[in-house]
C-alpha atoms as a PDB file:
ATOM      1  CA  UNK A   1     -18.916   4.123 -32.227  1.00  0.00           C
ATOM      2  CA  UNK A   2     -20.128   7.177 -32.676  1.00  0.00           C
ATOM      3  CA  UNK A   3     -23.767   7.473 -33.617  1.00  0.00           C
ATOM      4  CA  UNK A   4     -24.757  10.649 -35.197  1.00  0.00           C
ATOM      5  CA  UNK A   5     -28.438  11.320 -35.976  1.00  0.00           C
ATOM      6  CA  UNK A   6     -29.836  14.254 -37.532  1.00  0.00           C
ATOM      7  CA  UNK A   7     -34.053  14.682 -37.432  1.00  0.00           C
ATOM      8  CA  UNK A   8     -36.315  16.871 -39.125  1.00  0.00           C
ATOM      9  CA  UNK A   9     -39.460  17.352 -37.922  1.00  0.00           C
ATOM     10  CA  UNK A  10     -42.679  19.644 -38.663  1.00  0.00           C
ATOM     11  CA  UNK A  11     -41.914  23.341 -37.546  1.00  0.00           C
ATOM     12  CA  UNK A  12     -45.049  25.431 -36.237  1.00  0.00           C
ATOM     13  CA  UNK A  13     -45.290  28.978 -34.912  1.00  0.00           C
ATOM     14  CA  UNK A  14     -48.328  30.554 -34.210  1.00  0.00           C
ATOM     15  CA  UNK A  15     -50.270  28.983 -37.008  1.00  0.00           C
ATOM     16  CA  UNK A  16     -47.948  29.747 -39.278  1.00  0.00           C
ATOM     17  CA  UNK A  17     -46.407  27.305 -41.697  1.00  0.00           C
ATOM     18  CA  UNK A  18     -42.410  27.455 -41.763  1.00  0.00           C
ATOM     19  CA  UNK A  19     -40.708  25.514 -44.388  1.00  0.00           C
ATOM     20  CA  UNK A  20     -37.180  23.661 -43.842  1.00  0.00           C
ATOM     21  CA  UNK A  21     -35.388  23.675 -47.224  1.00  0.00           C
ATOM     22  CA  UNK A  22     -31.947  21.603 -46.987  1.00  0.00           C
ATOM     23  CA  UNK A  23     -29.553  23.364 -49.547  1.00  0.00           C
ATOM     24  CA  UNK A  24     -25.604  22.587 -49.820  1.00  0.00           C
ATOM     25  CA  UNK A  25     -23.118  25.498 -49.016  1.00  0.00           C
ATOM     26  CA  UNK A  26     -19.757  25.665 -49.050  1.00  0.00           C
ATOM     27  CA  UNK A  27     -16.898  27.996 -47.676  1.00  0.00           C
ATOM     28  CA  UNK A  28     -15.832  29.601 -50.831  1.00  0.00           C
ATOM     29  CA  UNK A  29     -19.094  30.376 -52.256  1.00  0.00           C
ATOM     30  CA  UNK A  30     -21.071  31.116 -49.078  1.00  0.00           C
ATOM     31  CA  UNK A  31     -18.735  31.771 -46.010  1.00  0.00           C
ATOM     32  CA  UNK A  32     -15.820  33.459 -47.419  1.00  0.00           C
ATOM     33  CA  UNK A  33     -18.092  36.280 -49.240  1.00  0.00           C
ATOM     34  CA  UNK A  34     -19.921  37.111 -45.761  1.00  0.00           C
ATOM     35  CA  UNK A  35     -16.676  37.127 -44.136  1.00  0.00           C
ATOM     36  CA  UNK A  36     -15.222  39.452 -46.805  1.00  0.00           C
ATOM     37  CA  UNK A  37     -18.056  41.841 -46.512  1.00  0.00           C
ATOM     38  CA  UNK A  38     -18.298  42.192 -42.849  1.00  0.00           C
ATOM     39  CA  UNK A  39     -15.086  41.680 -41.269  1.00  0.00           C
ATOM     40  CA  UNK A  40     -11.818  42.268 -43.586  1.00  0.00           C
ATOM     41  CA  UNK A  41     -11.669  45.600 -43.189  1.00  0.00           C
ATOM     42  CA  UNK A  42     -10.735  44.952 -39.271  1.00  0.00           C
ATOM     43  CA  UNK A  43      -9.368  41.455 -39.819  1.00  0.00           C
ATOM     44  CA  UNK A  44      -7.622  41.602 -43.290  1.00  0.00           C
ATOM     45  CA  UNK A  45      -4.347  42.180 -44.928  1.00  0.00           C
ATOM     46  CA  UNK A  46      -3.880  45.691 -43.396  1.00  0.00           C
ATOM     47  CA  UNK A  47      -5.259  45.609 -40.365  1.00  0.00           C
ATOM     48  CA  UNK A  48      -5.475  42.673 -37.844  1.00  0.00           C
ATOM     49  CA  UNK A  49      -7.836  43.649 -34.780  1.00  0.00           C
ATOM     50  CA  UNK A  50      -7.067  41.737 -31.866  1.00  0.00           C
ATOM     51  CA  UNK A  51      -4.376  39.633 -33.554  1.00  0.00           C
ATOM     52  CA  UNK A  52      -7.220  38.108 -35.820  1.00  0.00           C
ATOM     53  CA  UNK A  53      -7.068  37.745 -39.604  1.00  0.00           C
ATOM     54  CA  UNK A  54      -9.854  36.320 -41.394  1.00  0.00           C
ATOM     55  CA  UNK A  55      -9.215  36.719 -45.214  1.00  0.00           C
ATOM     56  CA  UNK A  56      -8.277  33.023 -45.565  1.00  0.00           C
ATOM     57  CA  UNK A  57      -9.466  29.804 -44.543  1.00  0.00           C
ATOM     58  CA  UNK A  58      -6.190  28.770 -42.654  1.00  0.00           C
ATOM     59  CA  UNK A  59      -6.328  32.368 -41.052  1.00  0.00           C
ATOM     60  CA  UNK A  60      -9.724  31.850 -39.654  1.00  0.00           C
ATOM     61  CA  UNK A  61      -9.023  28.338 -38.469  1.00  0.00           C
ATOM     62  CA  UNK A  62      -5.668  29.441 -37.207  1.00  0.00           C
ATOM     63  CA  UNK A  63      -7.703  32.394 -34.624  1.00  0.00           C
ATOM     64  CA  UNK A  64      -5.643  34.558 -32.307  1.00  0.00           C
ATOM     65  CA  UNK A  65      -2.555  34.185 -29.691  1.00  0.00           C
ATOM     66  CA  UNK A  66      -5.782  33.420 -27.489  1.00  0.00           C
ATOM     67  CA  UNK A  67      -6.570  30.230 -29.297  1.00  0.00           C
ATOM     68  CA  UNK A  68      -9.030  29.262 -31.902  1.00  0.00           C
ATOM     69  CA  UNK A  69     -12.503  31.086 -32.670  1.00  0.00           C
ATOM     70  CA  UNK A  70     -13.862  28.180 -34.491  1.00  0.00           C
ATOM     71  CA  UNK A  71     -14.531  24.834 -32.808  1.00  0.00           C
ATOM     72  CA  UNK A  72     -14.983  22.403 -35.319  1.00  0.00           C
ATOM     73  CA  UNK A  73     -18.466  20.677 -34.831  1.00  0.00           C
ATOM     74  CA  UNK A  74     -19.367  22.906 -32.042  1.00  0.00           C
ATOM     75  CA  UNK A  75     -20.697  26.339 -32.953  1.00  0.00           C
ATOM     76  CA  UNK A  76     -21.843  27.175 -29.490  1.00  0.00           C
ATOM     77  CA  UNK A  77     -19.059  27.288 -28.009  1.00  0.00           C
ATOM     78  CA  UNK A  78     -17.133  28.936 -31.093  1.00  0.00           C
ATOM     79  CA  UNK A  79     -15.774  32.337 -30.112  1.00  0.00           C
ATOM     80  CA  UNK A  80     -16.350  33.532 -33.636  1.00  0.00           C
ATOM     81  CA  UNK A  81     -20.200  32.483 -33.496  1.00  0.00           C
ATOM     82  CA  UNK A  82     -20.739  33.887 -29.806  1.00  0.00           C
ATOM     83  CA  UNK A  83     -19.267  37.368 -30.839  1.00  0.00           C
ATOM     84  CA  UNK A  84     -21.705  37.678 -33.872  1.00  0.00           C
ATOM     85  CA  UNK A  85     -24.525  36.743 -31.703  1.00  0.00           C
ATOM     86  CA  UNK A  86     -24.070  38.956 -28.744  1.00  0.00           C
ATOM     87  CA  UNK A  87     -26.153  42.343 -27.988  1.00  0.00           C
ATOM     88  CA  UNK A  88     -24.376  45.463 -30.518  1.00  0.00           C
ATOM     89  CA  UNK A  89     -24.312  47.159 -27.449  1.00  0.00           C
ATOM     90  CA  UNK A  90     -21.465  44.316 -26.095  1.00  0.00           C
ATOM     91  CA  UNK A  91     -17.988  45.178 -25.944  1.00  0.00           C
ATOM     92  CA  UNK A  92     -16.993  41.753 -27.766  1.00  0.00           C
ATOM     93  CA  UNK A  93     -19.709  42.293 -30.482  1.00  0.00           C
ATOM     94  CA  UNK A  94     -18.532  41.693 -34.251  1.00  0.00           C
ATOM     95  CA  UNK A  95     -18.752  43.603 -36.398  1.00  0.00           C
ATOM     96  CA  UNK A  96     -17.392  46.368 -34.045  1.00  0.00           C
ATOM     97  CA  UNK A  97     -17.204  49.939 -34.797  1.00  0.00           C
ATOM     98  CA  UNK A  98     -20.643  50.542 -35.214  1.00  0.00           C
ATOM     99  CA  UNK A  99     -20.867  48.419 -38.113  1.00  0.00           C
ATOM    100  CA  UNK A 100     -24.671  46.576 -38.802  1.00  0.00           C
ATOM    101  CA  UNK A 101     -24.856  42.895 -37.456  1.00  0.00           C
ATOM    102  CA  UNK A 102     -24.804  40.328 -40.125  1.00  0.00           C
ATOM    103  CA  UNK A 103     -28.433  39.215 -41.145  1.00  0.00           C
ATOM    104  CA  UNK A 104     -29.706  36.279 -39.669  1.00  0.00           C
ATOM    105  CA  UNK A 105     -29.266  33.893 -42.811  1.00  0.00           C
ATOM    106  CA  UNK A 106     -25.448  34.512 -42.658  1.00  0.00           C
ATOM    107  CA  UNK A 107     -25.041  33.874 -39.098  1.00  0.00           C
ATOM    108  CA  UNK A 108     -27.143  30.750 -39.341  1.00  0.00           C
ATOM    109  CA  UNK A 109     -24.933  30.164 -42.252  1.00  0.00           C
ATOM    110  CA  UNK A 110     -21.528  30.619 -40.017  1.00  0.00           C
ATOM    111  CA  UNK A 111     -23.621  28.341 -37.407  1.00  0.00           C
ATOM    112  CA  UNK A 112     -24.086  25.333 -39.553  1.00  0.00           C
ATOM    113  CA  UNK A 113     -20.832  25.430 -41.318  1.00  0.00           C
ATOM    114  CA  UNK A 114     -18.779  25.489 -37.816  1.00  0.00           C
ATOM    115  CA  UNK A 115     -21.442  22.861 -36.908  1.00  0.00           C
ATOM    116  CA  UNK A 116     -20.458  20.921 -39.828  1.00  0.00           C
ATOM    117  CA  UNK A 117     -16.534  20.766 -39.096  1.00  0.00           C
ATOM    118  CA  UNK A 118     -15.822  23.881 -41.044  1.00  0.00           C
ATOM    119  CA  UNK A 119     -14.966  21.953 -44.248  1.00  0.00           C
ATOM    120  CA  UNK A 120     -13.057  23.941 -46.888  1.00  0.00           C
ATOM    121  CA  UNK A 121     -13.376  22.442 -50.083  1.00  0.00           C
ATOM    122  CA  UNK A 122     -16.639  19.974 -49.392  1.00  0.00           C
ATOM    123  CA  UNK A 123     -19.932  21.241 -49.407  1.00  0.00           C
ATOM    124  CA  UNK A 124     -22.206  21.031 -46.372  1.00  0.00           C
ATOM    125  CA  UNK A 125     -25.815  20.619 -45.873  1.00  0.00           C
ATOM    126  CA  UNK A 126     -27.666  23.824 -45.270  1.00  0.00           C
ATOM    127  CA  UNK A 127     -30.972  23.913 -43.577  1.00  0.00           C
ATOM    128  CA  UNK A 128     -32.820  27.394 -44.228  1.00  0.00           C
ATOM    129  CA  UNK A 129     -36.260  28.467 -42.460  1.00  0.00           C
ATOM    130  CA  UNK A 130     -38.173  30.284 -44.894  1.00  0.00           C
ATOM    131  CA  UNK A 131     -41.421  31.848 -43.612  1.00  0.00           C
ATOM    132  CA  UNK A 132     -44.486  31.898 -46.012  1.00  0.00           C
ATOM    133  CA  UNK A 133     -45.334  35.011 -44.052  1.00  0.00           C
ATOM    134  CA  UNK A 134     -44.156  37.059 -41.598  1.00  0.00           C
ATOM    135  CA  UNK A 135     -44.518  35.968 -38.345  1.00  0.00           C
ATOM    136  CA  UNK A 136     -45.756  39.002 -36.018  1.00  0.00           C
ATOM    137  CA  UNK A 137     -45.441  36.792 -32.665  1.00  0.00           C
ATOM    138  CA  UNK A 138     -43.040  38.040 -30.135  1.00  0.00           C
ATOM    139  CA  UNK A 139     -40.317  35.693 -29.182  1.00  0.00           C
ATOM    140  CA  UNK A 140     -40.395  36.305 -25.362  1.00  0.00           C
ATOM    141  CA  UNK A 141     -42.086  39.609 -23.460  1.00  0.00           C
ATOM    142  CA  UNK A 142     -40.043  42.815 -23.439  1.00  0.00           C
ATOM    143  CA  UNK A 143     -37.144  42.096 -21.560  1.00  0.00           C
ATOM    144  CA  UNK A 144     -36.348  45.756 -20.505  1.00  0.00           C
ATOM    145  CA  UNK A 145     -38.069  45.894 -17.313  1.00  0.00           C
ATOM    146  CA  UNK A 146     -36.025  42.958 -15.756  1.00  0.00           C
ATOM    147  CA  UNK A 147     -32.825  43.185 -17.890  1.00  0.00           C
ATOM    148  CA  UNK A 148     -30.759  44.702 -14.958  1.00  0.00           C
ATOM    149  CA  UNK A 149     -32.184  42.307 -12.412  1.00  0.00           C
ATOM    150  CA  UNK A 150     -32.044  39.091 -14.528  1.00  0.00           C
ATOM    151  CA  UNK A 151     -28.432  39.907 -15.612  1.00  0.00           C
ATOM    152  CA  UNK A 152     -27.433  40.398 -12.000  1.00  0.00           C
ATOM    153  CA  UNK A 153     -28.864  37.169 -10.758  1.00  0.00           C
ATOM    154  CA  UNK A 154     -27.153  35.158 -13.577  1.00  0.00           C
ATOM    155  CA  UNK A 155     -23.640  37.014 -12.805  1.00  0.00           C
ATOM    156  CA  UNK A 156     -24.220  35.923  -9.230  1.00  0.00           C
ATOM    157  CA  UNK A 157     -24.365  32.256 -10.133  1.00  0.00           C
ATOM    158  CA  UNK A 158     -21.604  32.168 -12.608  1.00  0.00           C
ATOM    159  CA  UNK A 159     -23.848  32.457 -15.985  1.00  0.00           C
ATOM    160  CA  UNK A 160     -24.673  34.946 -18.212  1.00  0.00           C
ATOM    161  CA  UNK A 161     -28.271  36.181 -19.436  1.00  0.00           C
ATOM    162  CA  UNK A 162     -27.623  38.520 -22.964  1.00  0.00           C
ATOM    163  CA  UNK A 163     -30.204  39.758 -25.241  1.00  0.00           C
ATOM    164  CA  UNK A 164     -30.522  37.694 -28.264  1.00  0.00           C
ATOM    165  CA  UNK A 165     -30.781  40.908 -30.381  1.00  0.00           C
ATOM    166  CA  UNK A 166     -31.388  44.803 -29.879  1.00  0.00           C
ATOM    167  CA  UNK A 167     -35.192  44.050 -30.343  1.00  0.00           C
ATOM    168  CA  UNK A 168     -36.706  43.893 -26.594  1.00  0.00           C
ATOM    169  CA  UNK A 169     -38.761  41.019 -27.475  1.00  0.00           C
ATOM    170  CA  UNK A 170     -36.698  38.636 -28.730  1.00  0.00           C
ATOM    171  CA  UNK A 171     -35.647  37.414 -25.750  1.00  0.00           C
ATOM    172  CA  UNK A 172     -32.612  36.818 -23.837  1.00  0.00           C
ATOM    173  CA  UNK A 173     -30.025  33.946 -24.234  1.00  0.00           C
ATOM    174  CA  UNK A 174     -28.568  31.648 -21.426  1.00  0.00           C
ATOM    175  CA  UNK A 175     -24.696  31.539 -21.950  1.00  0.00           C
ATOM    176  CA  UNK A 176     -22.393  29.236 -19.829  1.00  0.00           C
ATOM    177  CA  UNK A 177     -19.751  28.711 -21.771  1.00  0.00           C
ATOM    178  CA  UNK A 178     -16.770  30.738 -19.652  1.00  0.00           C
ATOM    179  CA  UNK A 179     -17.360  28.611 -16.829  1.00  0.00           C
ATOM    180  CA  UNK A 180     -20.066  25.748 -17.615  1.00  0.00           C
ATOM    181  CA  UNK A 181     -19.221  23.621 -14.481  1.00  0.00           C
ATOM    182  CA  UNK A 182     -20.573  26.406 -12.240  1.00  0.00           C
ATOM    183  CA  UNK A 183     -24.097  25.840 -14.300  1.00  0.00           C
ATOM    184  CA  UNK A 184     -26.147  23.075 -11.768  1.00  0.00           C
ATOM    185  CA  UNK A 185     -29.282  21.906 -11.471  1.00  0.00           C
ATOM    186  CA  UNK A 186     -29.655  24.312  -8.790  1.00  0.00           C
ATOM    187  CA  UNK A 187     -28.715  27.263 -10.826  1.00  0.00           C
ATOM    188  CA  UNK A 188     -31.082  26.150 -13.537  1.00  0.00           C
ATOM    189  CA  UNK A 189     -33.887  26.032 -10.713  1.00  0.00           C
ATOM    190  CA  UNK A 190     -33.199  29.580  -9.516  1.00  0.00           C
ATOM    191  CA  UNK A 191     -33.167  31.186 -12.872  1.00  0.00           C
ATOM    192  CA  UNK A 192     -36.907  29.924 -13.662  1.00  0.00           C
ATOM    193  CA  UNK A 193     -37.887  33.274 -12.139  1.00  0.00           C
ATOM    194  CA  UNK A 194     -36.689  34.526 -15.754  1.00  0.00           C
ATOM    195  CA  UNK A 195     -37.932  31.722 -17.544  1.00  0.00           C
ATOM    196  CA  UNK A 196     -40.089  33.236 -19.761  1.00  0.00           C
ATOM    197  CA  UNK A 197     -37.387  35.808 -20.777  1.00  0.00           C
ATOM    198  CA  UNK A 198     -35.065  33.071 -22.340  1.00  0.00           C
ATOM    199  CA  UNK A 199     -35.287  31.841 -25.482  1.00  0.00           C
ATOM    200  CA  UNK A 200     -32.251  30.166 -25.801  1.00  0.00           C
ATOM    201  CA  UNK A 201     -30.028  27.883 -23.250  1.00  0.00           C
ATOM    202  CA  UNK A 202     -26.598  26.863 -23.995  1.00  0.00           C
ATOM    203  CA  UNK A 203     -25.982  24.459 -21.336  1.00  0.00           C
ATOM    204  CA  UNK A 204     -23.211  22.441 -23.164  1.00  0.00           C
ATOM    205  CA  UNK A 205     -20.765  20.829 -20.685  1.00  0.00           C
ATOM    206  CA  UNK A 206     -22.499  21.988 -17.744  1.00  0.00           C
ATOM    207  CA  UNK A 207     -22.868  20.043 -14.612  1.00  0.00           C
ATOM    208  CA  UNK A 208     -26.723  19.892 -15.207  1.00  0.00           C
ATOM    209  CA  UNK A 209     -28.630  16.254 -14.903  1.00  0.00           C
ATOM    210  CA  UNK A 210     -31.933  15.356 -16.164  1.00  0.00           C
ATOM    211  CA  UNK A 211     -33.299  16.995 -12.823  1.00  0.00           C
ATOM    212  CA  UNK A 212     -33.224  20.086 -14.718  1.00  0.00           C
ATOM    213  CA  UNK A 213     -35.594  19.038 -17.385  1.00  0.00           C
ATOM    214  CA  UNK A 214     -38.156  19.723 -14.980  1.00  0.00           C
ATOM    215  CA  UNK A 215     -37.524  23.064 -14.707  1.00  0.00           C
ATOM    216  CA  UNK A 216     -36.801  23.686 -18.382  1.00  0.00           C
ATOM    217  CA  UNK A 217     -39.847  21.770 -19.641  1.00  0.00           C
ATOM    218  CA  UNK A 218     -41.767  24.974 -17.962  1.00  0.00           C
ATOM    219  CA  UNK A 219     -39.500  27.751 -19.636  1.00  0.00           C
ATOM    220  CA  UNK A 220     -41.893  28.147 -22.391  1.00  0.00           C
ATOM    221  CA  UNK A 221     -40.522  30.642 -24.646  1.00  0.00           C
ATOM    222  CA  UNK A 222     -37.646  28.225 -24.949  1.00  0.00           C
ATOM    223  CA  UNK A 223     -36.563  27.688 -28.916  1.00  0.00           C
ATOM    224  CA  UNK A 224     -32.729  26.481 -28.544  1.00  0.00           C
ATOM    225  CA  UNK A 225     -31.649  23.849 -26.013  1.00  0.00           C
ATOM    226  CA  UNK A 226     -28.145  22.333 -26.152  1.00  0.00           C
ATOM    227  CA  UNK A 227     -27.545  20.064 -23.612  1.00  0.00           C
ATOM    228  CA  UNK A 228     -24.367  18.437 -25.397  1.00  0.00           C
ATOM    229  CA  UNK A 229     -21.884  16.483 -23.063  1.00  0.00           C
ATOM    230  CA  UNK A 230     -24.031  16.851 -19.799  1.00  0.00           C
ATOM    231  CA  UNK A 231     -25.296  14.004 -17.550  1.00  0.00           C
ATOM    232  CA  UNK A 232     -28.606  14.012 -19.028  1.00  0.00           C
ATOM    233  CA  UNK A 233     -30.176  10.871 -19.481  1.00  0.00           C
ATOM    234  CA  UNK A 234     -33.737   9.382 -20.513  1.00  0.00           C
ATOM    235  CA  UNK A 235     -35.504  10.605 -17.259  1.00  0.00           C
ATOM    236  CA  UNK A 236     -37.965  13.282 -17.905  1.00  0.00           C
ATOM    237  CA  UNK A 237     -36.702  13.826 -21.733  1.00  0.00           C
ATOM    238  CA  UNK A 238     -40.686  13.653 -22.694  1.00  0.00           C
ATOM    239  CA  UNK A 239     -41.358  16.419 -20.508  1.00  0.00           C
ATOM    240  CA  UNK A 240     -39.643  18.813 -23.196  1.00  0.00           C
ATOM    241  CA  UNK A 241     -42.836  17.971 -25.197  1.00  0.00           C
ATOM    242  CA  UNK A 242     -44.226  20.910 -23.480  1.00  0.00           C
ATOM    243  CA  UNK A 243     -42.268  23.424 -25.284  1.00  0.00           C
ATOM    244  CA  UNK A 244     -44.367  24.104 -27.903  1.00  0.00           C
ATOM    245  CA  UNK A 245     -41.778  26.964 -29.379  1.00  0.00           C
ATOM    246  CA  UNK A 246     -38.583  24.417 -29.224  1.00  0.00           C
ATOM    247  CA  UNK A 247     -37.010  24.275 -32.565  1.00  0.00           C
ATOM    248  CA  UNK A 248     -33.458  23.154 -32.032  1.00  0.00           C
ATOM    249  CA  UNK A 249     -32.453  20.649 -29.569  1.00  0.00           C
ATOM    250  CA  UNK A 250     -28.700  19.194 -29.020  1.00  0.00           C
ATOM    251  CA  UNK A 251     -28.163  16.134 -26.886  1.00  0.00           C
ATOM    252  CA  UNK A 252     -24.642  15.052 -28.240  1.00  0.00           C
ATOM    253  CA  UNK A 253     -22.576  13.263 -25.649  1.00  0.00           C
ATOM    254  CA  UNK A 254     -25.170  12.725 -23.259  1.00  0.00           C
ATOM    255  CA  UNK A 255     -26.403   9.727 -21.734  1.00  0.00           C
ATOM    256  CA  UNK A 256     -29.689   9.531 -23.467  1.00  0.00           C
ATOM    257  CA  UNK A 257     -30.133   6.266 -24.886  1.00  0.00           C
ATOM    258  CA  UNK A 258     -32.521   4.289 -27.605  1.00  0.00           C
ATOM    259  CA  UNK A 259     -35.378   5.260 -25.619  1.00  0.00           C
ATOM    260  CA  UNK A 260     -35.004   8.536 -24.871  1.00  0.00           C
ATOM    261  CA  UNK A 261     -34.093   9.265 -28.719  1.00  0.00           C
ATOM    262  CA  UNK A 262     -37.348   7.438 -29.267  1.00  0.00           C
ATOM    263  CA  UNK A 263     -38.847  10.270 -27.267  1.00  0.00           C
ATOM    264  CA  UNK A 264     -37.044  12.939 -28.655  1.00  0.00           C
ATOM    265  CA  UNK A 265     -38.713  11.883 -31.953  1.00  0.00           C
ATOM    266  CA  UNK A 266     -41.637  12.551 -31.022  1.00  0.00           C
ATOM    267  CA  UNK A 267     -41.356  16.243 -30.077  1.00  0.00           C
ATOM    268  CA  UNK A 268     -43.108  17.604 -32.927  1.00  0.00           C
ATOM    269  CA  UNK A 269     -42.115  21.106 -32.756  1.00  0.00           C
ATOM    270  CA  UNK A 270     -38.761  20.524 -32.799  1.00  0.00           C
ATOM    271  CA  UNK A 271     -37.130  20.795 -36.410  1.00  0.00           C
ATOM    272  CA  UNK A 272     -33.373  20.039 -35.589  1.00  0.00           C
ATOM    273  CA  UNK A 273     -31.682  17.466 -33.319  1.00  0.00           C
ATOM    274  CA  UNK A 274     -28.259  16.822 -33.010  1.00  0.00           C
ATOM    275  CA  UNK A 275     -27.060  14.049 -31.408  1.00  0.00           C
ATOM    276  CA  UNK A 276     -23.249  12.455 -31.301  1.00  0.00           C
ATOM    277  CA  UNK A 277     -24.126   9.882 -28.644  1.00  0.00           C
ATOM    278  CA  UNK A 278     -20.651   9.020 -27.971  1.00  0.00           C
ATOM    279  CA  UNK A 279     -18.471  11.721 -25.838  1.00  0.00           C
ATOM    280  CA  UNK A 280     -14.775  12.038 -26.055  1.00  0.00           C
ATOM    281  CA  UNK A 281     -12.913   9.768 -23.601  1.00  0.00           C
ATOM    282  CA  UNK A 282     -13.196  11.229 -20.169  1.00  0.00           C
ATOM    283  CA  UNK A 283     -15.459  14.064 -21.065  1.00  0.00           C
ATOM    284  CA  UNK A 284     -18.265  12.571 -18.912  1.00  0.00           C
ATOM    285  CA  UNK A 285     -16.402  11.370 -15.751  1.00  0.00           C
ATOM    286  CA  UNK A 286     -17.737  12.827 -12.586  1.00  0.00           C
END
């Protein structure tokens, strides 16, 4: 039996009220127009850069010769979402050719559509975060003085640290999807030297365990933490309460039980928790 829970909790940043509003969206009315506006010139009927065509739902799911660009229910491991959230200077960034990045709410729409298993006809729930006032608080210190050093260290460990945006105070994203099993508790410990710069940690399917939570709980600027399909258990999960800016937590397919879920529910800064608690057969075998 698969258990899923989405827990909506209060979200506050720098004493500025944010409201979470659940809306409904659909591929036809919301996702397709975003793709049409930003992607079809390079991936449409006349041109299919990289062998990718995006002018219909079936083409989007078809992907390229290298495989699908959308992994149903898993935005973090979807190539489409990965490329949209790269630094604009990255060779893999989309849209390419100097075109402007998608707006934040457009990327969030695509992310939540994929997380909802990318329905074609059915509406999906879209949780929009609307700010009552502009938030001046920076996400992290300016990464420019340390970006080369941090990137080189991450590469030597088999993971990646990439800017979340072209704004140097938007922080870095820890990516592991290219070889998740290389990311271990030891890697997390070694990256702690740059923890103040890291705002998102995508650790899905990595080899991390609950031991890493002791280090992650000190990554004070962390906003998104994906621990899905890892060996993380109830141990130390309550230490994440130290992360005052943590907004999104994915614990799907972990070994967290009822006691751990109760602790997660007390993480008052977290707005969204994803918790498919039964992993696919054999995925978590050591």
